[in-house]
Protein backbone atom coordinates (compact mmCIF):
# COMPACT_ATOMS: atom_id res chain seq x y z
CA UNK A 1 75.81 109.69 89.88
CA UNK A 2 73.27 109.76 87.03
CA UNK A 3 70.82 107.83 89.18
CA UNK A 4 71.17 110.36 91.99
CA UNK A 5 70.39 113.27 89.65
CA UNK A 6 67.42 111.51 88.13
CA UNK A 7 69.18 110.89 84.81
CA UNK A 8 69.36 107.45 83.26
CA UNK A 9 72.47 105.89 81.83
CA UNK A 10 71.56 103.44 79.11
CA UNK A 11 73.26 101.42 76.43
CA UNK A 12 76.91 100.42 76.42
CA UNK A 13 77.80 103.02 79.06
CA UNK A 14 75.43 101.43 81.54
CA UNK A 15 76.78 97.98 80.76
CA UNK A 16 80.34 99.16 81.45
CA UNK A 17 79.28 100.81 84.71
CA UNK A 18 77.49 97.65 85.84
CA UNK A 19 80.59 95.59 85.05
CA UNK A 20 82.77 98.03 87.00
CA UNK A 21 80.32 97.88 89.90
CA UNK A 22 80.60 94.09 89.93
CA UNK A 23 84.40 94.30 89.95
CA UNK A 24 84.25 96.85 92.78
CA UNK A 25 81.93 94.62 94.81
CA UNK A 26 84.23 91.63 94.29
CA UNK A 27 87.24 93.78 95.28
CA UNK A 28 85.47 94.75 98.49
CA UNK A 29 84.93 91.06 99.26
CA UNK A 30 88.60 90.27 98.76
CA UNK A 31 89.59 93.26 100.88
CA UNK A 32 87.40 91.81 103.65
CA UNK A 33 89.28 88.53 103.28
CA UNK A 34 92.57 90.41 103.71
CA UNK A 35 91.19 92.13 106.82
CA UNK A 36 90.05 88.77 108.25
CA UNK A 37 93.48 87.26 107.50
CA UNK A 38 95.14 90.22 109.22
CA UNK A 39 92.95 89.65 112.28
CA UNK A 40 93.97 85.96 112.29
CA UNK A 41 97.62 87.01 112.15
CA UNK A 42 97.01 89.45 114.99
CA UNK A 43 95.40 86.66 117.04
CA UNK A 44 98.41 84.38 116.45
CA UNK A 45 100.78 87.09 117.70
CA UNK A 46 98.58 87.61 120.78
CA UNK A 47 98.88 83.86 121.50
CA UNK A 48 102.66 83.99 121.02
CA UNK A 49 102.90 87.01 123.30
CA UNK A 50 100.85 85.21 125.95
CA UNK A 51 103.19 82.23 125.68
CA UNK A 52 106.23 84.45 126.17
CA UNK A 53 104.66 86.13 129.20
CA UNK A 54 103.80 82.76 130.75
CA UNK A 55 107.30 81.43 130.06
CA UNK A 56 108.89 84.51 131.64
CA UNK A 57 106.72 83.84 134.71
CA UNK A 58 107.94 80.20 134.76
CA UNK A 59 104.46 78.93 133.88
CA UNK A 60 105.73 76.71 131.10
CA UNK A 61 103.00 74.08 131.47
CA UNK A 62 100.29 76.69 130.93
CA UNK A 63 102.28 78.14 128.02
CA UNK A 64 102.46 74.68 126.44
CA UNK A 65 98.66 74.40 126.57
CA UNK A 66 98.20 77.48 124.37
CA UNK A 67 96.96 76.80 120.82
CA UNK A 68 99.49 76.07 118.12
CA UNK A 69 99.80 79.22 115.99
CA UNK A 70 101.00 77.41 112.84
CA UNK A 71 97.51 76.44 111.58
CA UNK A 72 96.26 79.97 112.27
CA UNK A 73 99.17 81.56 110.40
CA UNK A 74 98.83 79.10 107.52
CA UNK A 75 95.14 79.81 107.12
CA UNK A 76 95.80 83.56 107.17
CA UNK A 77 98.55 83.17 104.55
CA UNK A 78 96.31 81.11 102.29
CA UNK A 79 93.56 83.72 102.55
CA UNK A 80 96.02 86.49 101.67
CA UNK A 81 97.39 84.56 98.69
CA UNK A 82 93.90 83.97 97.32
CA UNK A 83 93.01 87.65 97.60
CA UNK A 84 96.31 88.75 96.10
CA UNK A 85 95.75 86.35 93.21
CA UNK A 86 92.47 88.11 92.50
CA UNK A 87 94.14 91.52 92.58
CA UNK A 88 96.89 90.31 90.23
CA UNK A 89 94.23 89.08 87.77
CA UNK A 90 92.49 92.44 88.08
CA UNK A 91 95.77 94.27 87.37
CA UNK A 92 96.41 92.06 84.33
CA UNK A 93 92.92 92.77 83.03
CA UNK A 94 93.40 96.50 83.53
CA UNK A 95 96.75 96.32 81.74
CA UNK A 96 95.18 94.57 78.74
CA UNK A 97 92.49 97.24 78.56
CA UNK A 98 95.06 100.04 78.90
CA UNK A 99 97.29 98.57 76.19
CA UNK A 100 94.33 98.61 73.80
CA UNK A 101 93.95 102.37 74.32
CA UNK A 102 96.02 105.41 73.43
CA UNK A 103 96.67 106.80 76.93
CA UNK A 104 100.40 106.34 77.64
CA UNK A 105 99.95 107.33 81.30
CA UNK A 106 97.30 104.63 81.78
CA UNK A 107 99.53 102.07 80.04
CA UNK A 108 102.52 102.84 82.27
CA UNK A 109 100.41 102.87 85.42
CA UNK A 110 98.81 99.56 84.49
CA UNK A 111 102.22 97.96 83.87
CA UNK A 112 103.54 99.22 87.23
CA UNK A 113 100.44 97.85 88.96
CA UNK A 114 100.92 94.43 87.36
CA UNK A 115 104.51 94.29 88.63
CA UNK A 116 103.50 95.53 92.08
CA UNK A 117 100.71 92.95 92.32
CA UNK A 118 103.04 90.21 91.13
CA UNK A 119 105.77 91.13 93.65
CA UNK A 120 103.29 91.25 96.53
CA UNK A 121 101.87 87.85 95.56
CA UNK A 122 105.35 86.34 95.23
CA UNK A 123 106.28 87.75 98.66
CA UNK A 124 103.18 86.16 100.19
CA UNK A 125 104.00 82.82 98.53
CA UNK A 126 107.57 83.00 99.83
CA UNK A 127 106.31 83.73 103.35
CA UNK A 128 103.93 80.75 103.19
CA UNK A 129 106.71 78.52 101.91
CA UNK A 130 108.96 79.69 104.75
CA UNK A 131 106.20 79.14 107.31
CA UNK A 132 105.72 75.57 106.07
CA UNK A 133 109.48 74.97 105.94
CA UNK A 134 110.03 76.18 109.50
CA UNK A 135 107.06 74.14 110.76
CA UNK A 136 108.34 71.04 108.95
CA UNK A 137 111.89 71.50 110.25
CA UNK A 138 110.55 72.21 113.71
CA UNK A 139 108.62 68.93 113.70
CA UNK A 140 111.68 67.08 112.41
CA UNK A 141 113.89 68.69 115.06
CA UNK A 142 111.44 67.78 117.82
CA UNK A 143 111.26 64.18 116.56
CA UNK A 144 115.06 63.96 116.31
CA UNK A 145 115.48 65.38 119.82
CA UNK A 146 112.99 62.94 121.32
CA UNK A 147 114.68 60.03 119.50
CA UNK A 148 118.04 61.20 120.88
CA UNK A 149 116.53 61.48 124.37
CA UNK A 150 115.14 57.94 124.10
CA UNK A 151 118.53 56.66 122.94
CA UNK A 152 120.24 58.35 125.87
CA UNK A 153 117.74 56.81 128.29
CA UNK A 154 118.20 53.35 126.77
CA UNK A 155 122.00 53.63 126.89
CA UNK A 156 122.01 54.95 130.41
CA UNK A 157 123.93 52.91 132.94
CA UNK A 158 122.20 54.63 135.81
CA UNK A 159 120.34 52.31 138.15
CA UNK A 160 116.56 52.29 137.90
């Protein structure tokens, strides 16, 4: 604002403003990462929807050729977790600064923001863990089913 009015901000005030500008720029970058991750998630749902439509139309072979959404979802989750980690660190930093001051409203707000950031990060970690668990169990179930199918074929007494 001082620059726009032709005034100059010097000394420690300018240093603080420059630091805040850097934090704001970094925050914008991490928000872009969250937007990109959201778009990846959207794309994975579009693929799943396409698969459902093809399956409903009995085009199961074409549905099977669609890309696997697990790697897309995993990448999106990892991007989200990284960004949320940054925002948690930012909240912790703000809380430390607030605790050093005398403003009780700022202190309470900073504490609430730390908890909110922590809960959101934990939720994202839980979702990633669940995604990996389901993918792992899905692979195991597919392997077990194909082993059972092979065993049935080997034990079959049907003529060739």
